[in-house]
Amino acid sequence: MRIVFMGTPEFAATSLEALLEAGMEVAAVVTAPDKPVGRGLQIRETAVKQCAQKHHLPVLQPEKLKDVLFLEQLQNFHADLFVVVAFRMLPEAVWSMPPLGCINLHASLLPQYRGAAPINWAIMHGETKTGTTVFFIGKEIDTGNILSYREEEILSGDDAGSLHDRLMYSGAKHLTEAVQAIGSGYSQSTPQKMPENGSTLKPAPKIFKETCRINWRLDEVRIHNHVRGLSPYPAAWTILVTPGGDRLMLKIFATETAGSAGHLPPAGTIVSDGRTYLHVAASGGWIAVKNLQLEGKKRMDIGDFLRGIHDDINLFRLQ
């Protein structure tokens, strides 16, 4: 069974490595074009390309997936199956090409959290369970028939980074087992089941900058889940207003809920001893900020941050 693998980031490269370690015949790899990054605009290759080069695999990096030359090159590999992990939406001319179909590894339990950011949104919504799904790609995004599921617990201490890493490795194993089942002829797929008992579908759309802004008028649990669901990237943020009226962006990477005892001041009010803790008033409770990054500074724990503030931090506020 000849495979063409398609993917871009480390999450996908881990799956590619797992397929190769399992002895799969990967005929070629398709990944995103190299691009300049950072202040020096140095050209960076994708994690999938680096993995492919390590194993001396042919690599295609099309700008457009409908390009006639790319489609001809893809056809010439005579693949039986396409395997997709963390890549672009494929046109029908691509996903319909191989005789055994085109499968995708998705980091949620479909049909919940269809879209570009399933790991982030699952934590932001306070879920306690997620997982990976291997399914056949069809015309509508993330809606094809399911080959298999693997569940993964979301721990109370998880953020998007820790959950991403667990799913990256468990998903690679899951995908490899699904490909082996297809190759052996023992795989079966079933249509996606819609939620029952009045439950609704929860989407996982692409995350934009404004999505990440903290609304201090929400309750403390929702704010805490918002922060951990966006940490370490792209990171939740707020505006720190100084006593002099300056407005600085503040990224927050780690928080804890800090109770609701006593009278609560307006949302965004800061209460601190100036040395060891910084609490922020939310709706119905307090948020303890543990790790953050002020605009133009490095990321730091709350104690280091407070030692660098020369004014009374209680005169600041968050918006």
Protein backbone atom coordinates (compact mmCIF):
# COMPACT_ATOMS: atom_id res chain seq x y z
CA MET A 1 0.00 0.00 0.00
CA ARG A 2 1.60 3.22 -1.22
CA ILE A 3 0.88 6.36 0.79
CA VAL A 4 1.22 10.06 0.13
CA PHE A 5 1.40 11.99 3.41
CA MET A 6 0.21 15.61 3.70
CA GLY A 7 0.88 17.88 6.66
CA THR A 8 2.86 20.84 7.95
CA PRO A 9 3.61 21.31 11.70
CA GLU A 10 5.30 19.16 14.35
CA PHE A 11 1.94 17.57 15.18
CA ALA A 12 1.89 16.13 11.63
CA ALA A 13 5.60 15.27 11.54
CA THR A 14 5.14 13.04 14.59
CA SER A 15 2.48 11.07 12.70
CA LEU A 16 4.71 10.79 9.62
CA GLU A 17 7.54 9.46 11.77
CA ALA A 18 5.19 6.90 13.36
CA LEU A 19 4.02 5.64 9.95
CA LEU A 20 7.61 5.23 8.78
CA GLU A 21 8.64 3.45 11.98
CA ALA A 22 5.74 1.04 11.43
CA GLY A 23 7.17 0.15 8.02
CA MET A 24 4.61 1.97 5.88
CA GLU A 25 5.57 2.75 2.29
CA VAL A 26 5.38 6.54 2.06
CA ALA A 27 5.88 7.39 -1.60
CA ALA A 28 5.95 11.17 -1.14
CA VAL A 29 5.15 14.04 1.18
CA VAL A 30 3.13 17.20 0.50
CA THR A 31 3.68 20.19 2.77
CA ALA A 32 3.47 23.97 2.83
CA PRO A 33 6.04 26.10 0.97
CA ASP A 34 9.07 27.37 2.89
CA LYS A 35 8.51 30.86 4.27
CA PRO A 36 10.58 33.66 5.84
CA VAL A 37 10.09 34.11 9.59
CA GLY A 38 11.36 36.39 12.34
CA ARG A 39 13.09 39.74 12.15
CA GLY A 40 15.83 38.33 9.96
CA LEU A 41 13.27 36.79 7.58
CA GLN A 42 15.23 33.55 7.54
CA ILE A 43 13.66 30.82 5.41
CA ARG A 44 12.11 28.10 7.57
CA GLU A 45 11.18 24.63 6.36
CA THR A 46 8.14 22.91 7.82
CA ALA A 47 8.56 20.17 10.42
CA VAL A 48 7.06 17.68 7.95
CA LYS A 49 9.57 18.64 5.26
CA GLN A 50 12.45 18.21 7.70
CA CYS A 51 11.18 14.75 8.64
CA ALA A 52 10.76 13.80 4.96
CA GLN A 53 14.27 14.93 4.10
CA LYS A 54 15.69 12.91 6.98
CA HIS A 55 14.13 9.82 5.42
CA HIS A 56 15.01 10.83 1.83
CA LEU A 57 11.38 11.11 0.71
CA PRO A 58 10.25 13.19 -2.28
CA VAL A 59 8.64 16.47 -1.15
CA LEU A 60 6.04 18.56 -2.99
CA GLN A 61 5.34 22.13 -1.81
CA PRO A 62 2.58 23.54 -4.02
CA GLU A 63 1.36 27.12 -3.63
CA LYS A 64 -2.02 26.09 -5.06
CA LEU A 65 -3.49 22.62 -4.64
CA LYS A 66 -5.43 22.89 -7.92
CA ASP A 67 -2.29 23.60 -9.95
CA VAL A 68 -2.22 21.27 -12.97
CA LEU A 69 1.49 20.46 -12.64
CA PHE A 70 1.07 19.57 -8.95
CA LEU A 71 -1.90 17.30 -9.71
CA GLU A 72 0.12 15.53 -12.40
CA GLN A 73 3.06 15.04 -10.04
CA LEU A 74 0.72 13.72 -7.36
CA GLN A 75 -0.91 11.28 -9.79
CA ASN A 76 2.49 9.97 -10.88
CA PHE A 77 3.19 8.59 -7.39
CA HIS A 78 0.33 6.08 -7.92
CA ALA A 79 -0.61 6.18 -4.25
CA ASP A 80 -3.30 3.87 -2.87
CA LEU A 81 -4.09 6.14 0.08
CA PHE A 82 -3.59 9.78 1.06
CA VAL A 83 -3.01 10.51 4.77
CA VAL A 84 -3.58 14.06 6.00
CA VAL A 85 -2.63 15.62 9.35
CA ALA A 86 -2.83 19.37 10.09
CA PHE A 87 -2.85 20.54 6.49
CA ARG A 88 -4.97 22.73 4.25
CA MET A 89 -8.48 22.02 3.04
CA LEU A 90 -8.13 19.77 -0.01
CA PRO A 91 -9.97 20.24 -3.31
CA GLU A 92 -11.93 17.27 -4.64
CA ALA A 93 -9.35 16.81 -7.40
CA VAL A 94 -6.89 15.83 -4.65
CA TRP A 95 -8.89 13.89 -2.07
CA SER A 96 -10.75 11.82 -4.67
CA MET A 97 -7.55 10.69 -6.42
CA PRO A 98 -6.38 7.55 -4.54
CA PRO A 99 -8.42 4.33 -4.86
CA LEU A 100 -8.50 3.68 -1.09
CA GLY A 101 -9.50 7.26 -0.32
CA CYS A 102 -8.03 10.07 1.74
CA ILE A 103 -8.02 9.95 5.54
CA ASN A 104 -7.45 12.69 8.10
CA LEU A 105 -6.39 12.71 11.76
CA HIS A 106 -8.38 15.36 13.65
CA ALA A 107 -7.71 16.40 17.26
CA SER A 108 -11.25 16.11 18.61
CA LEU A 109 -14.08 13.61 18.89
CA LEU A 110 -16.01 14.48 15.75
CA PRO A 111 -18.54 15.86 15.04
CA GLN A 112 -17.69 18.10 18.00
CA TYR A 113 -15.03 20.77 17.45
CA ARG A 114 -14.86 20.69 13.69
CA GLY A 115 -12.46 23.35 12.46
CA ALA A 116 -8.95 24.70 12.71
CA ALA A 117 -8.43 24.91 16.50
CA PRO A 118 -10.09 21.94 18.26
CA ILE A 119 -7.56 21.67 21.09
CA ASN A 120 -7.87 25.34 22.05
CA TRP A 121 -11.66 25.45 21.95
CA ALA A 122 -12.16 22.24 23.92
CA ILE A 123 -10.21 23.68 26.86
CA MET A 124 -11.73 27.14 26.48
CA HIS A 125 -15.17 25.54 26.81
CA GLY A 126 -14.14 23.68 29.95
CA GLU A 127 -14.36 20.16 28.49
CA THR A 128 -12.99 17.28 30.54
CA LYS A 129 -12.69 14.85 27.62
CA THR A 130 -11.49 15.05 24.04
CA GLY A 131 -9.50 12.77 21.74
CA THR A 132 -8.61 12.07 18.14
CA THR A 133 -10.68 10.95 15.17
CA VAL A 134 -9.53 9.29 11.96
CA PHE A 135 -12.04 9.85 9.17
CA PHE A 136 -12.38 9.91 5.40
CA ILE A 137 -12.20 13.34 3.80
CA GLY A 138 -15.19 14.36 1.66
CA LYS A 139 -16.71 17.51 0.22
CA GLU A 140 -17.62 19.21 3.52
CA ILE A 141 -14.87 19.96 6.03
CA ASP A 142 -14.51 17.45 8.89
CA THR A 143 -17.77 15.67 8.04
CA GLY A 144 -16.64 12.38 6.42
CA ASN A 145 -17.24 8.83 7.62
CA ILE A 146 -15.42 7.81 10.80
CA LEU A 147 -12.85 5.04 10.88
CA SER A 148 -12.08 5.20 14.62
CA TYR A 149 -11.94 7.32 17.79
CA ARG A 150 -9.47 7.49 20.67
CA GLU A 151 -10.49 9.34 23.83
CA GLU A 152 -8.14 11.50 25.92
CA GLU A 153 -8.86 13.02 29.34
CA ILE A 154 -8.38 16.77 29.71
CA LEU A 155 -6.68 17.24 33.08
CA SER A 156 -7.43 20.21 35.32
CA GLY A 157 -3.79 21.32 34.97
CA ASP A 158 -3.74 21.08 31.19
CA ASP A 159 -3.26 24.01 28.89
CA ALA A 160 -3.37 23.93 25.09
CA GLY A 161 0.34 23.15 24.95
CA SER A 162 0.30 20.09 27.24
CA LEU A 163 -2.84 18.66 25.65
CA HIS A 164 -1.43 19.27 22.16
CA ASP A 165 1.67 17.25 23.01
CA ARG A 166 -0.27 14.30 24.43
CA LEU A 167 -2.62 14.20 21.44
CA MET A 168 0.34 14.54 19.08
CA TYR A 169 1.79 11.22 20.28
CA SER A 170 -1.43 9.34 21.01
CA GLY A 171 -2.83 10.56 17.69
CA ALA A 172 0.22 9.32 15.79
CA LYS A 173 -0.30 5.84 17.27
CA HIS A 174 -4.03 6.00 16.54
CA LEU A 175 -3.41 7.02 12.92
CA THR A 176 -0.86 4.27 12.39
CA GLU A 177 -3.31 1.64 13.64
CA ALA A 178 -6.02 3.01 11.33
CA VAL A 179 -3.71 2.88 8.30
CA GLN A 180 -2.70 -0.68 9.19
CA ALA A 181 -6.38 -1.64 9.38
CA ILE A 182 -7.00 -0.17 5.92
CA GLY A 183 -4.01 -2.01 4.53
CA SER A 184 -5.18 -5.32 5.98
CA GLY A 185 -8.69 -4.88 4.59
CA TYR A 186 -10.33 -5.00 8.02
CA SER A 187 -11.33 -1.36 8.36
CA GLN A 188 -14.94 -0.18 8.50
CA SER A 189 -16.28 3.37 8.52
CA THR A 190 -19.53 4.82 9.80
CA PRO A 191 -21.27 8.19 9.28
CA GLN A 192 -20.76 10.81 11.95
CA LYS A 193 -23.48 10.78 14.61
CA MET A 194 -25.07 14.08 15.49
CA PRO A 195 -25.46 15.01 19.19
CA GLU A 196 -28.51 13.66 20.98
CA ASN A 197 -30.63 14.83 23.93
CA GLY A 198 -30.73 18.43 22.76
CA SER A 199 -26.96 18.84 22.67
CA THR A 200 -25.52 21.22 20.11
CA LEU A 201 -22.45 21.08 17.91
CA LYS A 202 -19.51 23.10 19.18
CA PRO A 203 -17.34 24.49 16.38
CA ALA A 204 -13.57 25.12 16.53
CA PRO A 205 -12.98 28.01 14.14
CA LYS A 206 -9.66 29.68 13.47
CA ILE A 207 -8.56 31.89 16.36
CA PHE A 208 -7.93 35.58 15.73
CA LYS A 209 -6.32 38.22 17.93
CA GLU A 210 -9.63 39.59 19.21
CA THR A 211 -10.73 36.04 20.13
CA CYS A 212 -7.88 35.97 22.63
CA ARG A 213 -8.81 39.13 24.55
CA ILE A 214 -9.92 38.47 28.13
CA ASN A 215 -13.37 39.70 29.13
CA TRP A 216 -13.06 40.38 32.86
CA ARG A 217 -16.85 40.59 33.14
CA LEU A 218 -17.07 36.83 32.69
CA ASP A 219 -16.95 34.54 35.72
CA GLU A 220 -13.57 33.39 37.02
CA VAL A 221 -13.91 29.78 35.77
CA ARG A 222 -14.58 30.86 32.19
CA ILE A 223 -11.66 33.30 32.29
CA HIS A 224 -9.34 30.61 33.68
CA ASN A 225 -10.38 28.20 30.90
CA HIS A 226 -9.94 30.97 28.33
CA VAL A 227 -6.36 31.55 29.48
CA ARG A 228 -5.30 27.91 29.59
CA GLY A 229 -7.02 27.16 26.29
CA LEU A 230 -4.83 29.77 24.59
CA SER A 231 -1.56 29.04 26.40
CA PRO A 232 1.20 29.10 25.32
CA TYR A 233 0.03 30.13 21.86
CA PRO A 234 -1.49 32.39 20.69
CA ALA A 235 -1.96 33.53 24.34
CA ALA A 236 -4.79 35.34 26.08
CA TRP A 237 -4.28 39.09 26.45
CA THR A 238 -5.64 42.14 28.15
CA ILE A 239 -4.82 45.84 28.44
CA LEU A 240 -2.90 47.04 31.50
CA VAL A 241 -3.81 50.66 32.28
CA THR A 242 -1.16 52.46 34.36
CA PRO A 243 -1.86 55.20 36.94
CA GLY A 244 -0.62 57.70 34.34
CA GLY A 245 -3.09 56.45 31.75
CA ASP A 246 -0.68 54.47 29.57
CA ARG A 247 -2.18 51.37 27.95
CA LEU A 248 0.07 48.32 27.52
CA MET A 249 -0.73 44.89 26.14
CA LEU A 250 -0.33 42.14 28.72
CA LYS A 251 -0.31 38.47 27.73
CA ILE A 252 -1.39 36.02 30.44
CA PHE A 253 -0.25 32.40 30.24
CA ALA A 254 -1.28 30.86 33.57
CA THR A 255 -3.98 31.57 36.14
CA GLU A 256 -5.85 29.98 39.00
CA THR A 257 -9.31 30.65 40.38
CA ALA A 258 -8.93 32.35 43.76
CA GLY A 259 -12.33 32.15 45.43
CA SER A 260 -15.19 34.60 45.76
CA ALA A 261 -15.25 35.58 49.42
CA GLY A 262 -16.06 39.17 50.36
CA HIS A 263 -17.15 42.19 48.36
CA LEU A 264 -16.03 42.24 44.74
CA PRO A 265 -14.87 45.52 43.19
CA PRO A 266 -15.45 46.31 39.49
CA ALA A 267 -14.23 43.73 36.98
CA GLY A 268 -10.56 44.21 36.11
CA THR A 269 -9.61 45.67 39.50
CA ILE A 270 -6.19 44.51 40.72
CA VAL A 271 -5.47 43.51 44.33
CA SER A 272 -1.88 42.58 45.22
CA ASP A 273 0.69 42.58 48.01
CA GLY A 274 3.20 43.88 45.48
CA ARG A 275 5.50 40.87 45.99
CA THR A 276 3.92 37.43 45.69
CA TYR A 277 0.39 37.55 44.27
CA LEU A 278 -1.81 39.48 41.88
CA HIS A 279 -5.55 38.90 41.94
CA VAL A 280 -8.00 40.34 39.42
CA ALA A 281 -11.70 40.81 40.03
CA ALA A 282 -13.99 38.91 37.65
CA SER A 283 -17.75 38.41 37.75
CA GLY A 284 -18.43 36.44 40.91
CA GLY A 285 -14.85 35.69 41.91
CA TRP A 286 -11.12 36.36 41.71
CA ILE A 287 -8.48 35.26 39.23
CA ALA A 288 -4.89 34.73 40.44
CA VAL A 289 -2.43 35.58 37.66
CA LYS A 290 0.61 33.27 37.78
CA ASN A 291 2.59 33.83 34.58
CA LEU A 292 2.52 36.73 32.13
CA GLN A 293 4.37 38.88 29.63
CA LEU A 294 4.20 42.65 29.47
CA GLU A 295 4.50 44.31 26.09
CA GLY A 296 8.21 44.68 25.22
CA LYS A 297 9.33 42.39 28.06
CA LYS A 298 10.05 38.67 28.45
CA ARG A 299 7.61 36.15 29.87
CA MET A 300 7.91 35.80 33.65
CA ASP A 301 6.30 34.48 36.82
CA ILE A 302 4.18 36.86 38.85
CA GLY A 303 6.82 37.47 41.56
CA ASP A 304 9.42 38.62 39.05
CA PHE A 305 6.84 40.81 37.33
CA LEU A 306 5.78 42.52 40.56
CA ARG A 307 9.38 43.22 41.56
CA GLY A 308 9.82 45.10 38.29
CA ILE A 309 6.83 47.40 38.89
CA HIS A 310 7.93 50.61 40.59
CA ASP A 311 4.46 52.09 41.17
CA ASP A 312 1.79 50.64 43.44
CA ILE A 313 0.34 47.81 41.33
CA ASN A 314 -3.03 48.28 43.07
CA LEU A 315 -3.37 51.59 41.20
CA PHE A 316 -3.26 49.73 37.86
CA ARG A 317 -6.29 48.11 36.28
CA LEU A 318 -7.02 45.61 33.52
CA GLN A 319 -9.41 46.17 30.65
